[in-house]
Amino acid sequence: MCTMRVLLCLAFLATCAMGTASTGKFSTCCTQVSSAKPKTGTVIENFIIQNEDLPCVHAVMFITNEGKIICSSPNTRWVKVKIQEIR
């Protein structure tokens, strides 16, 4: 039983290591987007435009001052305005 736990832990760690390996991609990506505006008071510091590369979808990844990522639709008006403000 203990051996099984060790093997499961090793498999989990190997999977995590593959996700963070230097492949030129983020280990996380937007798999869906929202057209909703962020909550009032959310401070957006930067953005990244993500191209579609399944399972990732075409999205604007806004990065908040807390390091959170907001996946937004690039075709939404408020998103276009916010990108211009940041640039």
PDB file of N, CA and C in Angstrom:
ATOM      1  N   MET A   1       0.823  -1.194   0.000  1.00  0.00           N
ATOM      2  CA  MET A   1       0.000   0.000   0.000  1.00  0.00           C
ATOM      3  C   MET A   1       0.871   1.264   0.000  1.00  0.00           C
ATOM      4  N   CYS A   2       1.928   1.243   0.800  1.00  0.00           N
ATOM      5  CA  CYS A   2       2.830   2.388   0.871  1.00  0.00           C
ATOM      6  C   CYS A   2       3.534   2.607  -0.470  1.00  0.00           C
ATOM      7  N   THR A   3       3.900   1.507  -1.130  1.00  0.00           N
ATOM      8  CA  THR A   3       4.550   1.592  -2.438  1.00  0.00           C
ATOM      9  C   THR A   3       3.626   2.246  -3.455  1.00  0.00           C
ATOM     10  N   MET A   4       2.343   1.911  -3.392  1.00  0.00           N
ATOM     11  CA  MET A   4       1.362   2.486  -4.313  1.00  0.00           C
ATOM     12  C   MET A   4       1.262   3.996  -4.107  1.00  0.00           C
ATOM     13  N   ARG A   5       1.280   4.434  -2.863  1.00  0.00           N
ATOM     14  CA  ARG A   5       1.219   5.876  -2.570  1.00  0.00           C
ATOM     15  C   ARG A   5       2.445   6.593  -3.121  1.00  0.00           C
ATOM     16  N   VAL A   6       3.596   5.985  -2.939  1.00  0.00           N
ATOM     17  CA  VAL A   6       4.838   6.579  -3.438  1.00  0.00           C
ATOM     18  C   VAL A   6       4.788   6.690  -4.955  1.00  0.00           C
ATOM     19  N   LEU A   7       4.328   5.641  -5.622  1.00  0.00           N
ATOM     20  CA  LEU A   7       4.229   5.664  -7.082  1.00  0.00           C
ATOM     21  C   LEU A   7       3.245   6.728  -7.554  1.00  0.00           C
ATOM     22  N   LEU A   8       2.123   6.850  -6.864  1.00  0.00           N
ATOM     23  CA  LEU A   8       1.146   7.880  -7.232  1.00  0.00           C
ATOM     24  C   LEU A   8       1.731   9.276  -7.051  1.00  0.00           C
ATOM     25  N   CYS A   9       2.463   9.481  -5.973  1.00  0.00           N
ATOM     26  CA  CYS A   9       3.102  10.784  -5.741  1.00  0.00           C
ATOM     27  C   CYS A   9       4.127  11.089  -6.826  1.00  0.00           C
ATOM     28  N   LEU A  10       4.923  10.095  -7.188  1.00  0.00           N
ATOM     29  CA  LEU A  10       5.921  10.292  -8.241  1.00  0.00           C
ATOM     30  C   LEU A  10       5.267  10.591  -9.581  1.00  0.00           C
ATOM     31  N   ALA A  11       4.173   9.894  -9.884  1.00  0.00           N
ATOM     32  CA  ALA A  11       3.455  10.151 -11.134  1.00  0.00           C
ATOM     33  C   ALA A  11       2.902  11.570 -11.148  1.00  0.00           C
ATOM     34  N   PHE A  12       2.364  12.015 -10.020  1.00  0.00           N
ATOM     35  CA  PHE A  12       1.826  13.371  -9.921  1.00  0.00           C
ATOM     36  C   PHE A  12       2.934  14.401 -10.117  1.00  0.00           C
ATOM     37  N   LEU A  13       4.067  14.204  -9.462  1.00  0.00           N
ATOM     38  CA  LEU A  13       5.181  15.145  -9.591  1.00  0.00           C
ATOM     39  C   LEU A  13       5.722  15.182 -11.013  1.00  0.00           C
ATOM     40  N   ALA A  14       5.778  14.039 -11.669  1.00  0.00           N
ATOM     41  CA  ALA A  14       6.247  13.998 -13.058  1.00  0.00           C
ATOM     42  C   ALA A  14       5.302  14.768 -13.962  1.00  0.00           C
ATOM     43  N   THR A  15       4.005  14.624 -13.719  1.00  0.00           N
ATOM     44  CA  THR A  15       3.011  15.354 -14.509  1.00  0.00           C
ATOM     45  C   THR A  15       3.162  16.854 -14.299  1.00  0.00           C
ATOM     46  N   CYS A  16       3.360  17.271 -13.062  1.00  0.00           N
ATOM     47  CA  CYS A  16       3.546  18.697 -12.770  1.00  0.00           C
ATOM     48  C   CYS A  16       4.808  19.224 -13.446  1.00  0.00           C
ATOM     49  N   ALA A  17       5.863  18.455 -13.418  1.00  0.00           N
ATOM     50  CA  ALA A  17       7.123  18.883 -14.033  1.00  0.00           C
ATOM     51  C   ALA A  17       6.967  19.051 -15.532  1.00  0.00           C
ATOM     52  N   MET A  18       6.197  18.182 -16.173  1.00  0.00           N
ATOM     53  CA  MET A  18       5.983  18.307 -17.612  1.00  0.00           C
ATOM     54  C   MET A  18       5.203  19.576 -17.930  1.00  0.00           C
ATOM     55  N   GLY A  19       4.271  19.954 -17.067  1.00  0.00           N
ATOM     56  CA  GLY A  19       3.468  21.149 -17.299  1.00  0.00           C
ATOM     57  C   GLY A  19       4.267  22.426 -17.165  1.00  0.00           C
ATOM     58  N   THR A  20       5.350  22.380 -16.402  1.00  0.00           N
ATOM     59  CA  THR A  20       6.150  23.585 -16.199  1.00  0.00           C
ATOM     60  C   THR A  20       7.445  23.559 -16.996  1.00  0.00           C
ATOM     61  N   ALA A  21       7.645  22.545 -17.783  1.00  0.00           N
ATOM     62  CA  ALA A  21       8.865  22.466 -18.595  1.00  0.00           C
ATOM     63  C   ALA A  21       8.910  23.627 -19.571  1.00  0.00           C
ATOM     64  N   SER A  22      10.086  24.015 -19.955  1.00  0.00           N
ATOM     65  CA  SER A  22      10.258  25.162 -20.833  1.00  0.00           C
ATOM     66  C   SER A  22       9.890  24.808 -22.275  1.00  0.00           C
ATOM     67  N   THR A  23       8.624  24.989 -22.605  1.00  0.00           N
ATOM     68  CA  THR A  23       8.157  24.688 -23.955  1.00  0.00           C
ATOM     69  C   THR A  23       7.797  25.957 -24.704  1.00  0.00           C
ATOM     70  N   GLY A  24       7.968  27.112 -24.059  1.00  0.00           N
ATOM     71  CA  GLY A  24       7.582  28.358 -24.695  1.00  0.00           C
ATOM     72  C   GLY A  24       6.121  28.686 -24.477  1.00  0.00           C
ATOM     73  N   LYS A  25       5.405  27.856 -23.746  1.00  0.00           N
ATOM     74  CA  LYS A  25       3.995  28.090 -23.457  1.00  0.00           C
ATOM     75  C   LYS A  25       3.822  28.227 -21.958  1.00  0.00           C
ATOM     76  N   PHE A  26       2.740  28.892 -21.567  1.00  0.00           N
ATOM     77  CA  PHE A  26       2.380  28.931 -20.160  1.00  0.00           C
ATOM     78  C   PHE A  26       1.925  27.545 -19.748  1.00  0.00           C
ATOM     79  N   SER A  27       2.124  27.200 -18.488  1.00  0.00           N
ATOM     80  CA  SER A  27       1.621  25.920 -18.025  1.00  0.00           C
ATOM     81  C   SER A  27       0.107  25.987 -17.862  1.00  0.00           C
ATOM     82  N   THR A  28      -0.426  27.193 -17.771  1.00  0.00           N
ATOM     83  CA  THR A  28      -1.874  27.362 -17.742  1.00  0.00           C
ATOM     84  C   THR A  28      -2.268  28.183 -18.951  1.00  0.00           C
ATOM     85  N   CYS A  29      -3.441  27.921 -19.439  1.00  0.00           N
ATOM     86  CA  CYS A  29      -3.940  28.706 -20.554  1.00  0.00           C
ATOM     87  C   CYS A  29      -5.443  28.842 -20.412  1.00  0.00           C
ATOM     88  N   CYS A  30      -6.007  29.747 -21.173  1.00  0.00           N
ATOM     89  CA  CYS A  30      -7.454  29.937 -21.155  1.00  0.00           C
ATOM     90  C   CYS A  30      -8.096  28.894 -22.060  1.00  0.00           C
ATOM     91  N   THR A  31      -8.967  28.090 -21.481  1.00  0.00           N
ATOM     92  CA  THR A  31      -9.699  27.100 -22.266  1.00  0.00           C
ATOM     93  C   THR A  31     -11.122  27.564 -22.536  1.00  0.00           C
ATOM     94  N   GLN A  32     -11.492  28.669 -21.900  1.00  0.00           N
ATOM     95  CA  GLN A  32     -12.770  29.323 -22.172  1.00  0.00           C
ATOM     96  C   GLN A  32     -12.628  30.793 -21.798  1.00  0.00           C
ATOM     97  N   VAL A  33     -13.496  31.637 -22.363  1.00  0.00           N
ATOM     98  CA  VAL A  33     -13.411  33.072 -22.103  1.00  0.00           C
ATOM     99  C   VAL A  33     -14.746  33.599 -21.612  1.00  0.00           C
ATOM    100  N   SER A  34     -14.680  34.789 -21.041  1.00  0.00           N
ATOM    101  CA  SER A  34     -15.873  35.474 -20.573  1.00  0.00           C
ATOM    102  C   SER A  34     -15.911  36.864 -21.189  1.00  0.00           C
ATOM    103  N   SER A  35     -17.114  37.372 -21.415  1.00  0.00           N
ATOM    104  CA  SER A  35     -17.248  38.747 -21.900  1.00  0.00           C
ATOM    105  C   SER A  35     -17.571  39.691 -20.742  1.00  0.00           C
ATOM    106  N   ALA A  36     -17.731  39.138 -19.538  1.00  0.00           N
ATOM    107  CA  ALA A  36     -18.061  39.945 -18.362  1.00  0.00           C
ATOM    108  C   ALA A  36     -16.856  40.764 -17.914  1.00  0.00           C
ATOM    109  N   LYS A  37     -17.138  41.977 -17.433  1.00  0.00           N
ATOM    110  CA  LYS A  37     -16.073  42.825 -16.891  1.00  0.00           C
ATOM    111  C   LYS A  37     -15.633  42.279 -15.535  1.00  0.00           C
ATOM    112  N   PRO A  38     -14.365  42.517 -15.171  1.00  0.00           N
ATOM    113  CA  PRO A  38     -13.902  42.100 -13.841  1.00  0.00           C
ATOM    114  C   PRO A  38     -14.651  42.866 -12.752  1.00  0.00           C
ATOM    115  N   LYS A  39     -14.591  42.345 -11.532  1.00  0.00           N
ATOM    116  CA  LYS A  39     -15.238  42.997 -10.396  1.00  0.00           C
ATOM    117  C   LYS A  39     -14.676  44.402 -10.210  1.00  0.00           C
ATOM    118  N   THR A  40     -15.511  45.306  -9.726  1.00  0.00           N
ATOM    119  CA  THR A  40     -15.077  46.665  -9.419  1.00  0.00           C
ATOM    120  C   THR A  40     -13.928  46.602  -8.417  1.00  0.00           C
ATOM    121  N   GLY A  41     -12.897  47.369  -8.671  1.00  0.00           N
ATOM    122  CA  GLY A  41     -11.738  47.395  -7.790  1.00  0.00           C
ATOM    123  C   GLY A  41     -10.606  46.491  -8.242  1.00  0.00           C
ATOM    124  N   THR A  42     -10.866  45.646  -9.234  1.00  0.00           N
ATOM    125  CA  THR A  42      -9.815  44.773  -9.764  1.00  0.00           C
ATOM    126  C   THR A  42      -8.823  45.618 -10.553  1.00  0.00           C
ATOM    127  N   VAL A  43      -7.556  45.514 -10.210  1.00  0.00           N
ATOM    128  CA  VAL A  43      -6.516  46.284 -10.886  1.00  0.00           C
ATOM    129  C   VAL A  43      -5.824  45.379 -11.906  1.00  0.00           C
ATOM    130  N   ILE A  44      -5.974  45.732 -13.185  1.00  0.00           N
ATOM    131  CA  ILE A  44      -5.333  44.972 -14.256  1.00  0.00           C
ATOM    132  C   ILE A  44      -4.018  45.659 -14.593  1.00  0.00           C
ATOM    133  N   GLU A  45      -2.925  44.910 -14.489  1.00  0.00           N
ATOM    134  CA  GLU A  45      -1.597  45.476 -14.717  1.00  0.00           C
ATOM    135  C   GLU A  45      -1.051  45.220 -16.112  1.00  0.00           C
ATOM    136  N   ASN A  46      -1.424  44.090 -16.706  1.00  0.00           N
ATOM    137  CA  ASN A  46      -0.845  43.728 -17.991  1.00  0.00           C
ATOM    138  C   ASN A  46      -1.772  42.762 -18.707  1.00  0.00           C
ATOM    139  N   PHE A  47      -1.415  42.411 -19.926  1.00  0.00           N
ATOM    140  CA  PHE A  47      -2.213  41.447 -20.675  1.00  0.00           C
ATOM    141  C   PHE A  47      -1.323  40.664 -21.627  1.00  0.00           C
ATOM    142  N   ILE A  48      -1.821  39.515 -22.022  1.00  0.00           N
ATOM    143  CA  ILE A  48      -1.162  38.667 -23.017  1.00  0.00           C
ATOM    144  C   ILE A  48      -2.243  38.222 -23.984  1.00  0.00           C
ATOM    145  N   ILE A  49      -1.952  38.301 -25.270  1.00  0.00           N
ATOM    146  CA  ILE A  49      -2.897  37.786 -26.255  1.00  0.00           C
ATOM    147  C   ILE A  49      -2.513  36.337 -26.528  1.00  0.00           C
ATOM    148  N   GLN A  50      -3.452  35.447 -26.263  1.00  0.00           N
ATOM    149  CA  GLN A  50      -3.233  34.012 -26.435  1.00  0.00           C
ATOM    150  C   GLN A  50      -3.885  33.557 -27.733  1.00  0.00           C
ATOM    151  N   ASN A  51      -3.118  32.921 -28.585  1.00  0.00           N
ATOM    152  CA  ASN A  51      -3.665  32.360 -29.819  1.00  0.00           C
ATOM    153  C   ASN A  51      -4.241  30.978 -29.549  1.00  0.00           C
ATOM    154  N   GLU A  52      -5.144  30.567 -30.410  1.00  0.00           N
ATOM    155  CA  GLU A  52      -5.749  29.248 -30.254  1.00  0.00           C
ATOM    156  C   GLU A  52      -4.713  28.160 -30.520  1.00  0.00           C
ATOM    157  N   ASP A  53      -4.605  27.251 -29.589  1.00  0.00           N
ATOM    158  CA  ASP A  53      -3.747  26.075 -29.704  1.00  0.00           C
ATOM    159  C   ASP A  53      -4.347  25.057 -28.737  1.00  0.00           C
ATOM    160  N   LEU A  54      -5.308  24.303 -29.238  1.00  0.00           N
ATOM    161  CA  LEU A  54      -6.141  23.443 -28.396  1.00  0.00           C
ATOM    162  C   LEU A  54      -5.321  22.680 -27.368  1.00  0.00           C
ATOM    163  N   PRO A  55      -5.771  22.668 -26.128  1.00  0.00           N
ATOM    164  CA  PRO A  55      -7.092  23.054 -25.656  1.00  0.00           C
ATOM    165  C   PRO A  55      -7.243  24.548 -25.380  1.00  0.00           C
ATOM    166  N   CYS A  56      -6.183  25.329 -25.584  1.00  0.00           N
ATOM    167  CA  CYS A  56      -6.249  26.772 -25.349  1.00  0.00           C
ATOM    168  C   CYS A  56      -7.059  27.446 -26.455  1.00  0.00           C
ATOM    169  N   VAL A  57      -7.838  28.459 -26.077  1.00  0.00           N
ATOM    170  CA  VAL A  57      -8.651  29.195 -27.046  1.00  0.00           C
ATOM    171  C   VAL A  57      -8.061  30.582 -27.266  1.00  0.00           C
ATOM    172  N   HIS A  58      -8.483  31.241 -28.349  1.00  0.00           N
ATOM    173  CA  HIS A  58      -8.059  32.620 -28.605  1.00  0.00           C
ATOM    174  C   HIS A  58      -8.629  33.484 -27.487  1.00  0.00           C
ATOM    175  N   ALA A  59      -7.767  34.194 -26.769  1.00  0.00           N
ATOM    176  CA  ALA A  59      -8.214  34.950 -25.603  1.00  0.00           C
ATOM    177  C   ALA A  59      -7.241  36.073 -25.289  1.00  0.00           C
ATOM    178  N   VAL A  60      -7.734  37.013 -24.493  1.00  0.00           N
ATOM    179  CA  VAL A  60      -6.868  38.017 -23.886  1.00  0.00           C
ATOM    180  C   VAL A  60      -6.753  37.625 -22.423  1.00  0.00           C
ATOM    181  N   MET A  61      -5.526  37.395 -21.991  1.00  0.00           N
ATOM    182  CA  MET A  61      -5.268  37.024 -20.600  1.00  0.00           C
ATOM    183  C   MET A  61      -4.850  38.285 -19.851  1.00  0.00           C
ATOM    184  N   PHE A  62      -5.767  38.832 -19.054  1.00  0.00           N
ATOM    185  CA  PHE A  62      -5.443  39.992 -18.235  1.00  0.00           C
ATOM    186  C   PHE A  62      -4.808  39.499 -16.941  1.00  0.00           C
ATOM    187  N   ILE A  63      -3.749  40.183 -16.517  1.00  0.00           N
ATOM    188  CA  ILE A  63      -3.045  39.814 -15.299  1.00  0.00           C
ATOM    189  C   ILE A  63      -3.286  40.906 -14.268  1.00  0.00           C
ATOM    190  N   THR A  64      -3.824  40.518 -13.118  1.00  0.00           N
ATOM    191  CA  THR A  64      -4.152  41.489 -12.078  1.00  0.00           C
ATOM    192  C   THR A  64      -2.941  41.742 -11.182  1.00  0.00           C
ATOM    193  N   ASN A  65      -3.064  42.759 -10.341  1.00  0.00           N
ATOM    194  CA  ASN A  65      -1.990  43.080  -9.404  1.00  0.00           C
ATOM    195  C   ASN A  65      -1.802  41.977  -8.365  1.00  0.00           C
ATOM    196  N   GLU A  66      -2.773  41.072  -8.254  1.00  0.00           N
ATOM    197  CA  GLU A  66      -2.663  39.940  -7.334  1.00  0.00           C
ATOM    198  C   GLU A  66      -2.106  38.699  -8.033  1.00  0.00           C
ATOM    199  N   GLY A  67      -1.764  38.841  -9.332  1.00  0.00           N
ATOM    200  CA  GLY A  67      -1.209  37.726 -10.076  1.00  0.00           C
ATOM    201  C   GLY A  67      -2.243  36.770 -10.643  1.00  0.00           C
ATOM    202  N   LYS A  68      -3.505  37.131 -10.549  1.00  0.00           N
ATOM    203  CA  LYS A  68      -4.562  36.279 -11.096  1.00  0.00           C
ATOM    204  C   LYS A  68      -4.710  36.543 -12.588  1.00  0.00           C
ATOM    205  N   ILE A  69      -5.191  35.532 -13.304  1.00  0.00           N
ATOM    206  CA  ILE A  69      -5.413  35.657 -14.743  1.00  0.00           C
ATOM    207  C   ILE A  69      -6.907  35.663 -15.018  1.00  0.00           C
ATOM    208  N   ILE A  70      -7.336  36.655 -15.810  1.00  0.00           N
ATOM    209  CA  ILE A  70      -8.730  36.756 -16.230  1.00  0.00           C
ATOM    210  C   ILE A  70      -8.762  36.472 -17.725  1.00  0.00           C
ATOM    211  N   CYS A  71      -9.483  35.431 -18.110  1.00  0.00           N
ATOM    212  CA  CYS A  71      -9.580  35.029 -19.518  1.00  0.00           C
ATOM    213  C   CYS A  71     -10.767  35.739 -20.153  1.00  0.00           C
ATOM    214  N   SER A  72     -10.484  36.614 -21.104  1.00  0.00           N
ATOM    215  CA  SER A  72     -11.528  37.439 -21.698  1.00  0.00           C
ATOM    216  C   SER A  72     -11.596  37.270 -23.206  1.00  0.00           C
ATOM    217  N   SER A  73     -12.788  37.501 -23.734  1.00  0.00           N
ATOM    218  CA  SER A  73     -13.000  37.422 -25.178  1.00  0.00           C
ATOM    219  C   SER A  73     -12.347  38.619 -25.854  1.00  0.00           C
ATOM    220  N   PRO A  74     -11.487  38.393 -26.836  1.00  0.00           N
ATOM    221  CA  PRO A  74     -10.811  39.506 -27.502  1.00  0.00           C
ATOM    222  C   PRO A  74     -11.743  40.365 -28.349  1.00  0.00           C
ATOM    223  N   ASN A  75     -12.954  39.903 -28.600  1.00  0.00           N
ATOM    224  CA  ASN A  75     -13.898  40.647 -29.434  1.00  0.00           C
ATOM    225  C   ASN A  75     -14.830  41.548 -28.641  1.00  0.00           C
ATOM    226  N   THR A  76     -14.710  41.534 -27.324  1.00  0.00           N
ATOM    227  CA  THR A  76     -15.574  42.345 -26.472  1.00  0.00           C
ATOM    228  C   THR A  76     -15.051  43.781 -26.409  1.00  0.00           C
ATOM    229  N   ARG A  77     -15.979  44.735 -26.464  1.00  0.00           N
ATOM    230  CA  ARG A  77     -15.603  46.155 -26.496  1.00  0.00           C
ATOM    231  C   ARG A  77     -14.747  46.572 -25.303  1.00  0.00           C
ATOM    232  N   TRP A  78     -15.150  46.209 -24.090  1.00  0.00           N
ATOM    233  CA  TRP A  78     -14.395  46.655 -22.918  1.00  0.00           C
ATOM    234  C   TRP A  78     -12.968  46.096 -22.934  1.00  0.00           C
ATOM    235  N   VAL A  79     -12.792  44.909 -23.520  1.00  0.00           N
ATOM    236  CA  VAL A  79     -11.463  44.300 -23.611  1.00  0.00           C
ATOM    237  C   VAL A  79     -10.574  45.123 -24.541  1.00  0.00           C
ATOM    238  N   LYS A  80     -11.119  45.519 -25.684  1.00  0.00           N
ATOM    239  CA  LYS A  80     -10.361  46.341 -26.637  1.00  0.00           C
ATOM    240  C   LYS A  80      -9.967  47.680 -26.014  1.00  0.00           C
ATOM    241  N   VAL A  81     -10.897  48.279 -25.271  1.00  0.00           N
ATOM    242  CA  VAL A  81     -10.618  49.562 -24.605  1.00  0.00           C
ATOM    243  C   VAL A  81      -9.511  49.383 -23.563  1.00  0.00           C
ATOM    244  N   LYS A  82      -9.595  48.324 -22.769  1.00  0.00           N
ATOM    245  CA  LYS A  82      -8.606  48.084 -21.711  1.00  0.00           C
ATOM    246  C   LYS A  82      -7.215  47.834 -22.302  1.00  0.00           C
ATOM    247  N   ILE A  83      -7.148  47.121 -23.416  1.00  0.00           N
ATOM    248  CA  ILE A  83      -5.857  46.886 -24.084  1.00  0.00           C
ATOM    249  C   ILE A  83      -5.237  48.215 -24.503  1.00  0.00           C
ATOM    250  N   GLN A  84      -6.040  49.114 -25.062  1.00  0.00           N
ATOM    251  CA  GLN A  84      -5.532  50.429 -25.480  1.00  0.00           C
ATOM    252  C   GLN A  84      -5.063  51.246 -24.278  1.00  0.00           C
ATOM    253  N   GLU A  85      -5.776  51.143 -23.153  1.00  0.00           N
ATOM    254  CA  GLU A  85      -5.368  51.859 -21.935  1.00  0.00           C
ATOM    255  C   GLU A  85      -4.004  51.368 -21.443  1.00  0.00           C
ATOM    256  N   ILE A  86      -3.800  50.074 -21.489  1.00  0.00           N
ATOM    257  CA  ILE A  86      -2.546  49.492 -20.986  1.00  0.00           C
ATOM    258  C   ILE A  86      -1.380  49.801 -21.913  1.00  0.00           C
ATOM    259  N   ARG A  87      -1.633  49.789 -23.211  1.00  0.00           N
ATOM    260  CA  ARG A  87      -0.557  50.058 -24.178  1.00  0.00           C
ATOM    261  C   ARG A  87      -0.100  51.481 -24.005  1.00  0.00           C
TER     262      ARG A  87
END
